Amino acid sequence: MTPASPSTRRLALLLAGLAMFGPFSIDTIFPAFLLLGQRMQVDQVAVQQTISVYLLFYGLMGLAHGPLSDAFGRKRVIIGGLVLFIGASVGCALSTDMTTLLVFRALQGMTAGVGMIVGRAVIRDLYHGADAQRLMSQVSMIFGVAPAIAPIIGGWILLGGGDWPLIFWFLVLFGLVLLLATGKWLPETHPPEARTPLSMRELLRSYLHMGSNPRLLRLAAAGALSFSGIFLYISSAPVFVMQHLKLGEGDFAWLFIPTIGGMTMGSFLSGRMAGRVVAPRQVAIGFGLCAVSALLNLGYVLSVPQIELPWAVLPIFLGGVGMALIFPILALAVLDMYPHQRGLASSMQMFIQLMTSTLVAGVVSPLLSASPVHLALGYAGFFAVGASLWYWERHRERRRERLAPGQ
């Protein structure tokens, strides 16, 4: 039996905060890209690797966060991750060359996923069905603020006369606040009697089993690729904002507020739809909004010689709404496939999402970001493939339902 849950609102705020330090580590540094390249005497491709390296290790270590929490408890693993994240942020702030910075960015990535990955398992430990969807949507709605305000904070730090290391000192402070809040308010939702021993052989076997499960792969990839449409613009933000929109380093809000505003609205709507709209219907509505968004975006960039506000970002707002309707359903569907290994299933799902995001940031974004048309085509392509995987899974699910009575 799970322990009594604390105030749902307070738990949602805390879990959202724990999920925030991942995107904060990515987005806060965006306004400092040009300055960082000048200080380190490297080009922008090298600076972009501060994102790719972070995401790579975020995804790789994400495979361990869930199983560790299954074996040692949710709260203990989250606190350990926070302590290491704070130390890594201090190392980033004190770095004097790109190699050292990349090493500490890798350590940041290894620890930053613990809040989001283990937090999902906490939600599923405490709640079921529509209640779990509501809380997941509340967390997503609050968490959605992070990518919007992170580059704004980074811009304020620079505009206030600060240098790029102050951005990492801000992350140190944010990590300390989360550490204190976790120690005081996060309950342990995975008691000792429910824990599974940590065995590398069993862990590898479980991951191989999950990694060969076609249904899990389709669901996880559908969610990851759908998010990649939005993340393509997030990871291309320095080029999109400062070159295509011809704005300054303090103007990232023009992209991030509409983008994350759409995700926040979608999360709110998802919470309202929980228990009222069946899950497949909600996902279909979400993909429909993504399709409209992609068509509007592509139509706009093809029809003008120079993209301008607000038309360049309004379609992305609509895509954010659609993506946020899709995400909670797919995330919970993966967790429900493995009720006794929710932490491990959450890690597997996050690994697939982060490896996809790593490719987007390190390969796709540099290839497509030079042209608004190419960005729009990539945006539409990610949504199209994600939707295809989802409808493929729905087709197979209906087929299984038809065959079941005759078996």
Protein backbone atom coordinates (compact mmCIF):
# COMPACT_ATOMS: atom_id res chain seq x y z
CA MET A 1 0.00 0.00 0.00
CA THR A 2 1.34 3.43 -0.86
CA PRO A 3 1.80 5.97 1.88
CA ALA A 4 -0.73 8.76 2.28
CA SER A 5 -0.17 11.37 -0.37
CA PRO A 6 0.48 15.00 0.52
CA SER A 7 -1.50 17.91 -0.88
CA THR A 8 -1.87 17.24 -4.60
CA ARG A 9 -1.17 20.88 -5.42
CA ARG A 10 2.04 20.93 -3.38
CA LEU A 11 3.14 17.61 -4.86
CA ALA A 12 2.46 18.90 -8.38
CA LEU A 13 4.54 22.02 -7.69
CA LEU A 14 7.42 20.00 -6.24
CA LEU A 15 7.47 17.40 -9.02
CA ALA A 16 7.26 20.14 -11.63
CA GLY A 17 10.19 21.91 -9.98
CA LEU A 18 12.20 18.69 -10.00
CA ALA A 19 11.44 18.24 -13.69
CA MET A 20 12.42 21.86 -14.38
CA PHE A 21 16.12 21.65 -13.65
CA GLY A 22 16.58 19.55 -16.80
CA PRO A 23 15.24 22.15 -19.27
CA PHE A 24 16.69 24.97 -17.16
CA SER A 25 20.12 23.46 -17.80
CA ILE A 26 19.46 23.49 -21.55
CA ASP A 27 17.62 26.74 -22.15
CA THR A 28 19.13 29.21 -19.70
CA ILE A 29 22.43 29.17 -21.57
CA PHE A 30 20.96 29.91 -25.03
CA PRO A 31 21.36 33.73 -24.82
CA ALA A 32 25.03 33.25 -23.89
CA PHE A 33 25.95 31.21 -26.98
CA LEU A 34 27.66 34.06 -28.81
CA LEU A 35 29.42 35.32 -25.68
CA LEU A 36 30.51 31.81 -24.71
CA GLY A 37 32.02 31.25 -28.14
CA GLN A 38 33.97 34.51 -27.87
CA ARG A 39 35.24 33.78 -24.35
CA MET A 40 36.24 30.19 -25.20
CA GLN A 41 37.52 31.17 -28.67
CA VAL A 42 35.47 28.48 -30.41
CA ASP A 43 32.84 28.57 -33.17
CA GLN A 44 29.10 28.16 -32.70
CA VAL A 45 29.14 24.52 -33.79
CA ALA A 46 31.42 23.79 -30.82
CA VAL A 47 29.16 25.80 -28.51
CA GLN A 48 26.16 23.79 -29.76
CA GLN A 49 27.87 20.67 -28.40
CA THR A 50 27.26 21.95 -24.86
CA ILE A 51 23.66 20.95 -25.59
CA SER A 52 24.40 17.70 -27.46
CA VAL A 53 26.83 16.38 -24.82
CA TYR A 54 24.39 17.27 -22.06
CA LEU A 55 21.52 15.46 -23.79
CA LEU A 56 23.63 12.42 -24.65
CA PHE A 57 24.59 11.78 -21.03
CA TYR A 58 21.12 12.77 -19.85
CA GLY A 59 19.70 9.97 -21.96
CA LEU A 60 22.36 7.36 -21.11
CA MET A 61 22.20 7.93 -17.35
CA GLY A 62 18.43 8.11 -17.58
CA LEU A 63 18.51 4.33 -18.01
CA ALA A 64 19.81 4.05 -14.43
CA HIS A 65 17.63 6.56 -12.55
CA GLY A 66 14.46 4.48 -12.69
CA PRO A 67 16.01 1.13 -11.69
CA LEU A 68 17.94 2.83 -8.89
CA SER A 69 14.68 4.25 -7.55
CA ASP A 70 13.04 0.81 -7.85
CA ALA A 71 15.86 -0.62 -5.71
CA PHE A 72 16.61 2.15 -3.19
CA GLY A 73 13.48 4.29 -3.07
CA ARG A 74 12.35 7.36 -4.99
CA LYS A 75 13.33 10.09 -2.52
CA ARG A 76 16.87 8.87 -1.85
CA VAL A 77 17.71 8.72 -5.56
CA ILE A 78 16.28 12.18 -6.25
CA ILE A 79 18.28 13.73 -3.40
CA GLY A 80 21.48 12.03 -4.57
CA GLY A 81 20.91 13.31 -8.11
CA LEU A 82 20.34 16.86 -6.87
CA VAL A 83 23.57 16.87 -4.87
CA LEU A 84 25.59 15.74 -7.89
CA PHE A 85 23.81 18.24 -10.16
CA ILE A 86 24.73 21.11 -7.85
CA GLY A 87 28.38 20.01 -7.87
CA ALA A 88 28.38 19.72 -11.68
CA SER A 89 26.90 23.22 -12.00
CA VAL A 90 29.67 24.61 -9.82
CA GLY A 91 32.19 22.90 -12.11
CA CYS A 92 30.57 24.48 -15.20
CA ALA A 93 30.70 27.92 -13.62
CA LEU A 94 34.42 27.56 -12.85
CA SER A 95 35.40 26.14 -16.25
CA THR A 96 38.01 28.09 -18.22
CA ASP A 97 38.11 26.04 -21.44
CA MET A 98 35.60 24.20 -23.61
CA THR A 99 36.88 20.70 -22.78
CA THR A 100 36.40 21.23 -19.04
CA LEU A 101 32.99 22.78 -19.61
CA LEU A 102 31.88 19.81 -21.71
CA VAL A 103 33.01 17.37 -18.99
CA PHE A 104 30.89 19.12 -16.37
CA ARG A 105 28.02 19.49 -18.81
CA ALA A 106 28.14 15.70 -19.22
CA LEU A 107 27.95 15.33 -15.42
CA GLN A 108 25.04 17.76 -15.36
CA GLY A 109 23.29 15.63 -17.95
CA MET A 110 23.93 12.45 -15.96
CA THR A 111 22.05 13.89 -12.98
CA ALA A 112 19.48 16.31 -14.40
CA GLY A 113 17.01 13.64 -15.53
CA VAL A 114 16.45 12.18 -12.08
CA GLY A 115 13.64 14.58 -11.18
CA MET A 116 11.56 13.99 -14.29
CA ILE A 117 12.14 10.24 -14.58
CA VAL A 118 11.63 9.31 -10.93
CA GLY A 119 8.90 11.94 -10.60
CA ARG A 120 6.77 10.08 -13.17
CA ALA A 121 7.14 6.89 -11.12
CA VAL A 122 6.07 8.83 -8.00
CA ILE A 123 2.87 9.92 -9.74
CA ARG A 124 2.06 6.37 -10.80
CA ASP A 125 2.89 5.06 -7.30
CA LEU A 126 0.26 7.33 -5.77
CA TYR A 127 -2.47 7.61 -8.39
CA HIS A 128 -4.25 5.56 -11.04
CA GLY A 129 -6.37 6.17 -14.13
CA ALA A 130 -7.86 9.63 -14.55
CA ASP A 131 -6.29 10.83 -11.27
CA ALA A 132 -2.81 9.97 -12.56
CA GLN A 133 -3.55 11.73 -15.85
CA ARG A 134 -4.75 14.85 -14.00
CA LEU A 135 -1.62 15.04 -11.85
CA MET A 136 0.64 14.30 -14.82
CA SER A 137 -1.09 17.12 -16.70
CA GLN A 138 -0.76 19.51 -13.74
CA VAL A 139 2.95 18.75 -13.49
CA SER A 140 3.38 19.22 -17.24
CA MET A 141 1.48 22.52 -17.11
CA ILE A 142 3.68 23.95 -14.35
CA PHE A 143 6.84 22.36 -15.76
CA GLY A 144 6.04 23.96 -19.12
CA VAL A 145 6.95 27.34 -17.67
CA ALA A 146 10.62 26.33 -17.39
CA PRO A 147 11.63 26.38 -21.07
CA ALA A 148 9.81 29.71 -21.45
CA ILE A 149 11.42 31.56 -18.57
CA ALA A 150 14.86 29.90 -18.63
CA PRO A 151 16.26 31.78 -21.67
CA ILE A 152 14.61 34.97 -20.37
CA ILE A 153 16.48 34.58 -17.08
CA GLY A 154 19.69 33.88 -18.99
CA GLY A 155 19.12 37.03 -21.06
CA TRP A 156 18.45 39.12 -17.94
CA ILE A 157 21.68 37.89 -16.36
CA LEU A 158 23.66 38.94 -19.43
CA LEU A 159 21.82 42.23 -19.92
CA GLY A 160 22.42 43.02 -16.26
CA GLY A 161 26.14 42.99 -16.93
CA GLY A 162 26.83 39.40 -15.87
CA ASP A 163 29.11 37.00 -17.67
CA TRP A 164 28.14 33.48 -18.75
CA PRO A 165 29.35 31.73 -15.51
CA LEU A 166 26.59 33.55 -13.57
CA ILE A 167 24.06 31.44 -15.47
CA PHE A 168 25.52 28.30 -13.91
CA TRP A 169 25.64 29.92 -10.47
CA PHE A 170 21.92 30.53 -10.91
CA LEU A 171 21.51 26.78 -11.56
CA VAL A 172 23.46 26.07 -8.35
CA LEU A 173 21.02 28.22 -6.40
CA PHE A 174 18.02 26.62 -8.07
CA GLY A 175 19.37 23.15 -7.26
CA LEU A 176 19.86 24.06 -3.60
CA VAL A 177 16.26 25.27 -3.32
CA LEU A 178 15.01 22.01 -4.84
CA LEU A 179 17.22 19.96 -2.51
CA LEU A 180 15.75 21.64 0.57
CA ALA A 181 12.17 21.33 -0.74
CA THR A 182 12.62 17.65 -1.60
CA GLY A 183 14.06 16.84 1.82
CA LYS A 184 11.12 18.52 3.53
CA TRP A 185 8.08 17.73 1.38
CA LEU A 186 8.62 14.75 -0.92
CA PRO A 187 7.17 11.52 0.53
CA GLU A 188 8.78 8.13 -0.07
CA THR A 189 6.21 6.46 -2.32
CA HIS A 190 8.13 3.22 -2.91
CA PRO A 191 8.42 1.41 0.46
CA PRO A 192 11.13 -1.21 1.17
CA GLU A 193 8.76 -4.16 0.76
CA ALA A 194 7.96 -3.09 -2.81
CA ARG A 195 11.58 -2.60 -3.90
CA THR A 196 13.40 -4.85 -6.33
CA PRO A 197 17.09 -5.78 -5.81
CA LEU A 198 19.50 -4.10 -8.20
CA SER A 199 21.16 -6.74 -10.34
CA MET A 200 23.11 -5.74 -13.43
CA ARG A 201 22.28 -9.04 -15.12
CA GLU A 202 18.55 -8.68 -14.40
CA LEU A 203 18.66 -5.00 -15.31
CA LEU A 204 20.24 -5.76 -18.68
CA ARG A 205 17.73 -8.55 -19.26
CA SER A 206 14.83 -6.23 -18.41
CA TYR A 207 16.09 -3.52 -20.73
CA LEU A 208 16.59 -6.02 -23.54
CA HIS A 209 13.06 -7.27 -22.95
CA MET A 210 11.62 -3.74 -23.01
CA GLY A 211 13.81 -2.70 -25.92
CA SER A 212 12.46 -5.61 -27.97
CA ASN A 213 8.83 -4.87 -27.12
CA PRO A 214 7.33 -3.44 -30.34
CA ARG A 215 4.39 -1.84 -28.53
CA LEU A 216 6.61 0.04 -26.09
CA LEU A 217 8.87 1.18 -28.90
CA ARG A 218 5.96 2.46 -30.98
CA LEU A 219 4.40 4.35 -28.07
CA ALA A 220 7.68 5.80 -26.82
CA ALA A 221 8.86 6.76 -30.31
CA ALA A 222 5.49 8.36 -31.14
CA GLY A 223 5.85 10.59 -28.09
CA ALA A 224 9.53 11.33 -28.66
CA LEU A 225 9.13 12.25 -32.32
CA SER A 226 6.09 14.41 -31.62
CA PHE A 227 8.07 16.34 -29.01
CA SER A 228 10.96 16.59 -31.46
CA GLY A 229 8.86 18.83 -33.70
CA ILE A 230 8.71 21.38 -30.87
CA PHE A 231 12.28 20.67 -29.71
CA LEU A 232 13.65 21.39 -33.18
CA TYR A 233 12.68 25.03 -32.69
CA ILE A 234 13.84 25.07 -29.06
CA SER A 235 17.28 23.71 -29.96
CA SER A 236 17.47 26.11 -32.93
CA ALA A 237 16.43 29.09 -30.79
CA PRO A 238 19.70 31.12 -31.07
CA VAL A 239 19.58 31.01 -34.88
CA PHE A 240 15.80 31.35 -35.17
CA VAL A 241 15.54 34.32 -32.80
CA MET A 242 18.70 36.26 -33.57
CA GLN A 243 19.18 35.52 -37.29
CA HIS A 244 15.78 34.74 -38.79
CA LEU A 245 13.65 37.05 -36.62
CA LYS A 246 16.55 39.52 -36.28
CA LEU A 247 16.01 40.01 -32.54
CA GLY A 248 18.50 40.40 -29.69
CA GLU A 249 19.81 38.16 -26.93
CA GLY A 250 17.12 39.46 -24.55
CA ASP A 251 14.26 38.59 -26.92
CA PHE A 252 14.03 34.81 -26.62
CA ALA A 253 10.64 35.21 -24.96
CA TRP A 254 9.11 35.86 -28.41
CA LEU A 255 9.73 32.21 -29.26
CA PHE A 256 9.56 30.51 -25.89
CA ILE A 257 6.44 32.10 -24.41
CA PRO A 258 4.16 31.11 -27.34
CA THR A 259 5.77 27.68 -27.60
CA ILE A 260 5.53 26.82 -23.93
CA GLY A 261 2.26 28.70 -23.60
CA GLY A 262 0.77 26.24 -26.06
CA MET A 263 2.17 23.29 -24.12
CA THR A 264 0.80 24.75 -20.88
CA MET A 265 -2.67 25.24 -22.38
CA GLY A 266 -2.59 21.71 -23.77
CA SER A 267 -1.64 20.31 -20.35
CA PHE A 268 -4.52 22.23 -18.76
CA LEU A 269 -6.95 20.88 -21.35
CA SER A 270 -5.59 17.36 -20.84
CA GLY A 271 -6.33 17.61 -17.12
CA ARG A 272 -9.87 18.78 -17.87
CA MET A 273 -10.39 15.96 -20.38
CA ALA A 274 -9.20 13.23 -17.97
CA GLY A 275 -12.08 10.88 -17.26
CA ARG A 276 -14.31 12.67 -19.79
CA VAL A 277 -12.64 11.93 -23.12
CA VAL A 278 -11.28 8.46 -23.86
CA ALA A 279 -7.51 8.37 -24.28
CA PRO A 280 -7.37 7.43 -28.01
CA ARG A 281 -9.77 10.26 -28.81
CA GLN A 282 -7.61 12.76 -26.93
CA VAL A 283 -4.47 11.63 -28.75
CA ALA A 284 -6.28 11.89 -32.09
CA ILE A 285 -7.30 15.48 -31.27
CA GLY A 286 -3.71 16.25 -30.30
CA PHE A 287 -2.28 14.93 -33.56
CA GLY A 288 -4.98 16.78 -35.49
CA LEU A 289 -3.87 20.07 -33.92
CA CYS A 290 -0.23 19.21 -34.72
CA ALA A 291 -1.15 18.60 -38.34
CA VAL A 292 -2.95 21.95 -38.64
CA SER A 293 0.01 23.64 -36.95
CA ALA A 294 2.51 22.08 -39.37
CA LEU A 295 0.49 23.07 -42.44
CA LEU A 296 0.02 26.66 -41.25
CA ASN A 297 3.72 26.95 -40.39
CA LEU A 298 4.89 25.61 -43.74
CA GLY A 299 2.38 27.71 -45.65
CA TYR A 300 3.52 30.88 -43.91
CA VAL A 301 7.28 30.46 -44.39
CA LEU A 302 6.77 29.57 -48.07
CA SER A 303 4.63 32.67 -48.69
CA VAL A 304 6.89 35.42 -47.28
CA PRO A 305 10.48 36.50 -48.02
CA GLN A 306 11.17 37.37 -44.35
CA ILE A 307 9.43 35.78 -41.37
CA GLU A 308 8.04 38.17 -38.78
CA LEU A 309 6.27 38.18 -35.44
CA PRO A 310 3.70 37.06 -34.43
CA TRP A 311 2.96 34.88 -37.48
CA ALA A 312 6.26 32.98 -37.25
CA VAL A 313 5.44 31.61 -33.79
CA LEU A 314 1.63 31.27 -33.72
CA PRO A 315 1.64 27.87 -35.49
CA ILE A 316 4.18 26.60 -32.96
CA PHE A 317 1.79 27.65 -30.16
CA LEU A 318 -0.88 25.41 -31.72
CA GLY A 319 1.62 22.56 -32.06
CA GLY A 320 2.46 22.90 -28.37
CA VAL A 321 -1.21 22.49 -27.47
CA GLY A 322 -1.45 19.34 -29.55
CA MET A 323 1.78 17.83 -28.24
CA ALA A 324 0.69 18.40 -24.60
CA LEU A 325 -2.58 16.55 -25.25
CA ILE A 326 -0.62 13.60 -26.60
CA PHE A 327 2.16 13.32 -24.03
CA PRO A 328 0.36 12.28 -20.78
CA ILE A 329 -1.55 9.50 -22.52
CA LEU A 330 1.54 7.97 -24.14
CA ALA A 331 3.65 8.33 -20.98
CA LEU A 332 1.08 6.59 -18.77
CA ALA A 333 0.49 3.87 -21.38
CA VAL A 334 4.18 2.91 -21.24
CA LEU A 335 4.24 2.91 -17.42
CA ASP A 336 1.10 0.76 -17.27
CA MET A 337 2.79 -1.91 -19.39
CA TYR A 338 5.17 -2.67 -16.48
CA PRO A 339 3.35 -2.03 -13.17
CA HIS A 340 6.11 -3.67 -11.11
CA GLN A 341 8.95 -1.85 -12.88
CA ARG A 342 7.59 1.65 -13.35
CA GLY A 343 10.91 3.31 -12.63
CA LEU A 344 12.67 1.18 -15.21
CA ALA A 345 9.89 1.73 -17.76
CA SER A 346 10.08 5.48 -17.16
CA SER A 347 13.84 5.35 -17.73
CA MET A 348 13.41 3.42 -20.97
CA GLN A 349 10.86 5.89 -22.24
CA MET A 350 13.01 8.88 -21.30
CA PHE A 351 16.09 7.26 -22.88
CA ILE A 352 14.28 6.98 -26.21
CA GLN A 353 13.07 10.58 -25.95
CA LEU A 354 16.48 11.95 -24.97
CA MET A 355 18.40 10.05 -27.62
CA THR A 356 15.97 11.44 -30.17
CA SER A 357 16.42 14.95 -28.75
CA THR A 358 20.20 14.52 -28.81
CA LEU A 359 20.07 13.78 -32.54
CA VAL A 360 17.77 16.75 -33.07
CA ALA A 361 20.09 19.14 -31.19
CA GLY A 362 23.38 17.77 -32.49
CA VAL A 363 22.52 16.79 -36.07
CA VAL A 364 19.09 17.90 -37.29
CA SER A 365 19.12 21.44 -35.87
CA PRO A 366 22.55 22.36 -37.34
CA LEU A 367 21.43 20.96 -40.72
CA LEU A 368 18.03 22.69 -40.85
CA SER A 369 18.29 25.84 -38.73
CA ALA A 370 19.88 28.00 -41.46
CA SER A 371 16.55 28.19 -43.31
CA PRO A 372 13.02 28.86 -41.94
CA VAL A 373 11.63 26.65 -44.71
CA HIS A 374 13.86 23.75 -43.71
CA LEU A 375 12.85 24.18 -40.06
CA ALA A 376 9.18 24.11 -41.03
CA LEU A 377 9.69 20.95 -43.12
CA GLY A 378 11.50 19.25 -40.22
CA TYR A 379 8.73 20.32 -37.83
CA ALA A 380 6.06 18.82 -40.09
CA GLY A 381 8.10 15.66 -40.68
CA PHE A 382 8.52 14.87 -36.99
CA PHE A 383 4.79 15.24 -36.35
CA ALA A 384 3.95 13.10 -39.37
CA VAL A 385 6.20 10.21 -38.30
CA GLY A 386 5.01 10.41 -34.68
CA ALA A 387 1.37 10.29 -35.77
CA SER A 388 2.08 7.38 -38.12
CA LEU A 389 3.55 5.34 -35.27
CA TRP A 390 0.58 6.09 -33.04
CA TYR A 391 -1.99 5.08 -35.67
CA TRP A 392 0.03 1.97 -36.44
CA GLU A 393 -0.21 1.00 -32.76
CA ARG A 394 -3.94 1.79 -32.71
CA HIS A 395 -4.46 -0.43 -35.76
CA ARG A 396 -2.66 -3.32 -34.06
CA GLU A 397 -4.58 -2.76 -30.82
CA ARG A 398 -7.93 -2.94 -32.64
CA ARG A 399 -6.76 -6.09 -34.36
CA ARG A 400 -5.83 -7.67 -31.01
CA GLU A 401 -9.27 -6.74 -29.66
CA ARG A 402 -11.00 -8.38 -32.64
CA LEU A 403 -8.98 -11.57 -32.25
CA ALA A 404 -9.30 -11.85 -28.48
CA PRO A 405 -12.82 -13.38 -28.29
CA GLY A 406 -11.85 -16.17 -30.70
CA GLN A 407 -8.69 -17.20 -28.84
